[in-house]
């Protein structure tokens, strides 16, 4: 019975962590927003224990800054840190893409194509949350053939930090066609085994997102101050 209770409690904390993570990534819980354990326990109608476990998990992921005795808040990165996140993405993703392209098979291209089609549908639906998730899945599919599991795990960590900023960018981006075309071109260049051109395009793709995002966030924070 004790073992069953422990598993149930862990499952509950995971469910809460997943929901809180999505609320942070979607911007419902804004950067810098105070996190109160008691308020969350009341909101989710649970005891403090699963809330505490969920917050520990999000703290380990870097999405919140939390101490048991002093509470915490949603992580607010400096502009320099946000730039660093995207610089890391460029370094890691371009390396993975370069390694993946020679190994990509018809099955890999079909899988990427399926995700890309779903992502293009999400453009038309203006579903930013879905777009953000599919964007991550698409890029991951492009690099899967690299067979670099440790590097991909590191990228997952970096992407968790960048995802909410990518969603911010998507939510206000007025010209979506360039991004749509770049995603399609990345796949076509990989299909043609044009590794150097594909990696150059990926670098420009991430750099453009970084530059536009930093300008947007700097402007937003200046207006708030």
Protein backbone atom coordinates (compact mmCIF):
# COMPACT_ATOMS: atom_id res chain seq x y z
CA UNK A 1 0.00 0.00 0.00
CA UNK A 2 2.83 2.43 0.89
CA UNK A 3 4.48 1.78 -2.46
CA UNK A 4 1.22 2.48 -4.27
CA UNK A 5 0.79 5.80 -2.47
CA UNK A 6 4.35 6.84 -3.40
CA UNK A 7 3.75 6.08 -7.09
CA UNK A 8 0.43 7.93 -7.05
CA UNK A 9 2.03 10.98 -5.42
CA UNK A 10 4.84 11.00 -7.97
CA UNK A 11 2.34 10.72 -10.81
CA UNK A 12 0.34 13.63 -9.41
CA UNK A 13 3.44 15.80 -9.10
CA UNK A 14 4.38 14.94 -12.70
CA UNK A 15 0.92 15.95 -13.93
CA UNK A 16 1.18 19.26 -12.07
CA UNK A 17 4.74 19.83 -13.32
CA UNK A 18 3.62 19.20 -16.90
CA UNK A 19 0.76 21.67 -16.57
CA UNK A 20 2.90 24.34 -14.92
CA UNK A 21 5.59 23.84 -17.56
CA UNK A 22 3.08 24.45 -20.34
CA UNK A 23 1.75 27.53 -18.54
CA UNK A 24 5.29 28.92 -18.39
CA UNK A 25 6.10 28.07 -22.00
CA UNK A 26 2.83 29.57 -23.22
CA UNK A 27 3.44 32.77 -21.27
CA UNK A 28 0.41 32.33 -19.01
CA UNK A 29 2.92 32.43 -16.14
CA UNK A 30 5.14 35.32 -17.19
CA UNK A 31 8.87 35.65 -16.61
CA UNK A 32 9.57 37.01 -13.14
CA UNK A 33 6.10 36.11 -11.86
CA UNK A 34 6.06 35.07 -8.21
CA UNK A 35 5.39 31.41 -7.48
CA UNK A 36 3.48 30.70 -4.26
CA UNK A 37 3.27 27.11 -3.11
CA UNK A 38 0.15 27.67 -1.02
CA UNK A 39 -1.72 29.37 -3.87
CA UNK A 40 -0.85 26.57 -6.27
CA UNK A 41 -1.97 23.92 -3.77
CA UNK A 42 -5.32 25.69 -3.53
CA UNK A 43 -5.57 26.15 -7.32
CA UNK A 44 -4.89 22.47 -8.04
CA UNK A 45 -6.85 21.35 -4.97
CA UNK A 46 -4.00 19.20 -3.63
CA UNK A 47 -1.70 19.18 -0.63
CA UNK A 48 1.61 21.05 -0.73
CA UNK A 49 3.66 17.88 -1.20
CA UNK A 50 2.97 17.25 -4.93
CA UNK A 51 3.28 21.00 -5.54
CA UNK A 52 6.68 21.00 -3.85
CA UNK A 53 7.84 18.03 -5.94
CA UNK A 54 6.60 19.65 -9.15
CA UNK A 55 8.41 22.90 -8.32
CA UNK A 56 11.63 21.01 -7.59
CA UNK A 57 11.40 19.45 -11.04
CA UNK A 58 10.83 22.79 -12.78
CA UNK A 59 13.64 24.33 -10.76
CA UNK A 60 15.99 21.57 -11.95
CA UNK A 61 14.90 22.32 -15.54
CA UNK A 62 15.73 26.00 -15.06
CA UNK A 63 12.18 27.22 -15.71
CA UNK A 64 11.74 28.58 -12.19
CA UNK A 65 14.05 29.75 -9.45
CA UNK A 66 12.85 28.11 -6.27
CA UNK A 67 13.95 27.64 -2.66
CA UNK A 68 11.74 25.82 -0.18
CA UNK A 69 12.04 28.47 2.50
CA UNK A 70 11.86 31.63 0.40
CA UNK A 71 9.49 30.73 -2.43
CA UNK A 72 10.43 31.61 -5.97
CA UNK A 73 9.53 32.98 -9.36
CA UNK A 74 9.44 32.12 -13.05
CA UNK A 75 12.97 32.45 -14.41
CA UNK A 76 13.62 35.75 -16.15
CA UNK A 77 16.70 35.59 -18.34
CA UNK A 78 18.71 38.67 -19.17
CA UNK A 79 18.97 39.66 -22.83
CA UNK A 80 22.54 38.37 -22.76
CA UNK A 81 21.38 35.00 -21.44
CA UNK A 82 18.63 34.75 -24.07
CA UNK A 83 21.22 35.48 -26.74
CA UNK A 84 23.44 32.78 -25.26
CA UNK A 85 20.60 30.25 -25.41
CA UNK A 86 20.23 30.81 -29.14
CA UNK A 87 23.99 30.80 -29.68
CA UNK A 88 24.06 27.37 -28.04
CA UNK A 89 21.25 26.25 -30.30
CA UNK A 90 23.25 27.30 -33.35
CA UNK A 91 26.38 25.48 -32.20
CA UNK A 92 24.58 22.26 -31.30
CA UNK A 93 21.94 22.10 -34.02
CA UNK A 94 24.25 22.90 -36.91
CA UNK A 95 26.67 20.20 -35.74
CA UNK A 96 23.84 17.65 -35.41
CA UNK A 97 22.39 18.57 -38.81
CA UNK A 98 25.78 18.24 -40.47
CA UNK A 99 26.20 14.77 -38.99
CA UNK A 100 22.61 13.73 -39.73
CA UNK A 101 22.32 14.62 -43.43
CA UNK A 102 24.63 11.89 -44.81
CA UNK A 103 22.69 9.28 -42.79
CA UNK A 104 19.15 10.40 -43.58
CA UNK A 105 17.00 7.79 -45.31
CA UNK A 106 13.70 7.86 -47.14
CA UNK A 107 11.98 7.05 -43.85
CA UNK A 108 13.60 10.07 -42.17
CA UNK A 109 12.50 12.37 -44.99
CA UNK A 110 8.95 11.00 -44.84
CA UNK A 111 8.79 11.58 -41.09
CA UNK A 112 10.07 15.15 -41.45
CA UNK A 113 7.59 15.78 -44.27
CA UNK A 114 4.67 14.61 -42.11
CA UNK A 115 5.63 16.95 -39.26
CA UNK A 116 6.25 19.82 -41.66
CA UNK A 117 2.78 19.41 -43.16
CA UNK A 118 1.21 19.55 -39.69
CA UNK A 119 3.30 22.61 -38.86
CA UNK A 120 2.21 24.40 -42.04
CA UNK A 121 -1.41 23.66 -41.11
CA UNK A 122 -0.80 25.23 -37.70
CA UNK A 123 0.41 28.41 -39.45
CA UNK A 124 -2.98 28.73 -41.11
CA UNK A 125 -4.81 27.95 -37.87
CA UNK A 126 -2.70 30.56 -36.01
CA UNK A 127 -2.22 27.99 -33.24
CA UNK A 128 1.01 29.25 -31.64
CA UNK A 129 1.14 26.53 -28.98
CA UNK A 130 0.79 23.77 -31.55
CA UNK A 131 3.22 25.53 -33.87
CA UNK A 132 5.83 25.74 -31.10
CA UNK A 133 5.54 22.04 -30.26
CA UNK A 134 5.70 21.00 -33.92
CA UNK A 135 8.65 23.33 -34.55
CA UNK A 136 10.58 21.49 -31.85
CA UNK A 137 9.52 18.08 -33.22
CA UNK A 138 10.51 19.05 -36.76
CA UNK A 139 13.98 20.23 -35.83
CA UNK A 140 14.49 17.10 -33.70
CA UNK A 141 13.45 14.92 -36.65
CA UNK A 142 15.97 16.68 -38.89
CA UNK A 143 18.78 15.74 -36.51
CA UNK A 144 17.64 12.24 -35.50
CA UNK A 145 19.93 10.48 -37.98
CA UNK A 146 22.99 12.04 -36.34
CA UNK A 147 22.80 9.21 -33.79
CA UNK A 148 24.23 11.51 -31.10
CA UNK A 149 22.03 10.73 -28.13
CA UNK A 150 24.07 12.65 -25.54
CA UNK A 151 24.21 15.78 -27.71
CA UNK A 152 20.48 15.52 -28.35
CA UNK A 153 19.83 15.30 -24.61
CA UNK A 154 21.84 18.50 -24.16
CA UNK A 155 19.85 20.14 -26.94
CA UNK A 156 16.60 19.13 -25.24
CA UNK A 157 17.72 21.07 -22.17
CA UNK A 158 18.62 24.14 -24.23
CA UNK A 159 15.38 23.95 -26.20
CA UNK A 160 13.35 23.85 -23.01
CA UNK A 161 14.82 27.26 -22.19
CA UNK A 162 14.31 28.64 -25.70
CA UNK A 163 10.79 27.30 -26.30
CA UNK A 164 8.90 30.06 -24.49
CA UNK A 165 10.91 32.73 -26.30
CA UNK A 166 10.27 31.02 -29.63
CA UNK A 167 6.55 31.04 -28.83
CA UNK A 168 6.75 34.76 -27.98
CA UNK A 169 8.32 35.33 -31.36
CA UNK A 170 5.72 33.25 -33.17
CA UNK A 171 2.85 35.03 -31.47
CA UNK A 172 3.84 38.44 -32.83
CA UNK A 173 5.58 37.47 -36.07
CA UNK A 174 3.76 39.20 -38.90
CA UNK A 175 5.68 37.73 -41.82
CA UNK A 176 5.48 33.99 -41.33
CA UNK A 177 6.16 33.00 -44.92
CA UNK A 178 9.98 33.36 -44.62
CA UNK A 179 10.03 30.91 -41.69
CA UNK A 180 7.68 28.58 -43.52
CA UNK A 181 9.91 28.64 -46.62
CA UNK A 182 13.10 28.13 -44.60
CA UNK A 183 11.70 25.04 -42.91
CA UNK A 184 10.73 23.62 -46.31
CA UNK A 185 14.14 24.52 -47.80
CA UNK A 186 16.03 22.86 -44.93
CA UNK A 187 14.34 19.57 -45.74
CA UNK A 188 14.89 19.91 -49.49
CA UNK A 189 18.60 20.70 -49.09
CA UNK A 190 19.00 17.73 -46.76
CA UNK A 191 17.20 15.53 -49.30
CA UNK A 192 19.66 16.70 -51.96
CA UNK A 193 22.58 16.02 -49.57
CA UNK A 194 23.70 19.66 -49.88
CA UNK A 195 25.16 19.63 -46.40
CA UNK A 196 27.04 22.95 -46.43
CA UNK A 197 24.10 24.88 -47.89
CA UNK A 198 21.69 23.27 -45.44
CA UNK A 199 23.86 24.14 -42.45
CA UNK A 200 24.34 27.71 -43.66
CA UNK A 201 20.57 28.10 -43.96
CA UNK A 202 20.01 26.62 -40.50
CA UNK A 203 22.52 29.09 -39.04
CA UNK A 204 20.72 32.03 -40.70
CA UNK A 205 17.35 30.63 -39.59
CA UNK A 206 18.29 30.53 -35.91
CA UNK A 207 20.22 33.82 -36.07
CA UNK A 208 17.23 35.63 -37.59
CA UNK A 209 14.97 34.34 -34.82
CA UNK A 210 17.51 35.40 -32.20
CA UNK A 211 17.92 38.93 -33.61
CA UNK A 212 14.19 39.57 -33.99
CA UNK A 213 13.43 38.12 -30.58
CA UNK A 214 16.05 40.15 -28.72
CA UNK A 215 14.78 43.33 -30.37
CA UNK A 216 11.20 42.47 -29.42
CA UNK A 217 11.99 41.59 -25.78
CA UNK A 218 14.24 44.64 -25.31
CA UNK A 219 11.44 46.87 -26.57
CA UNK A 220 8.86 45.11 -24.38
CA UNK A 221 10.95 45.40 -21.23
CA UNK A 222 11.73 49.07 -21.90
CA UNK A 223 8.01 49.79 -22.24
CA UNK A 224 7.26 47.92 -19.00
CA UNK A 225 9.96 49.84 -17.12
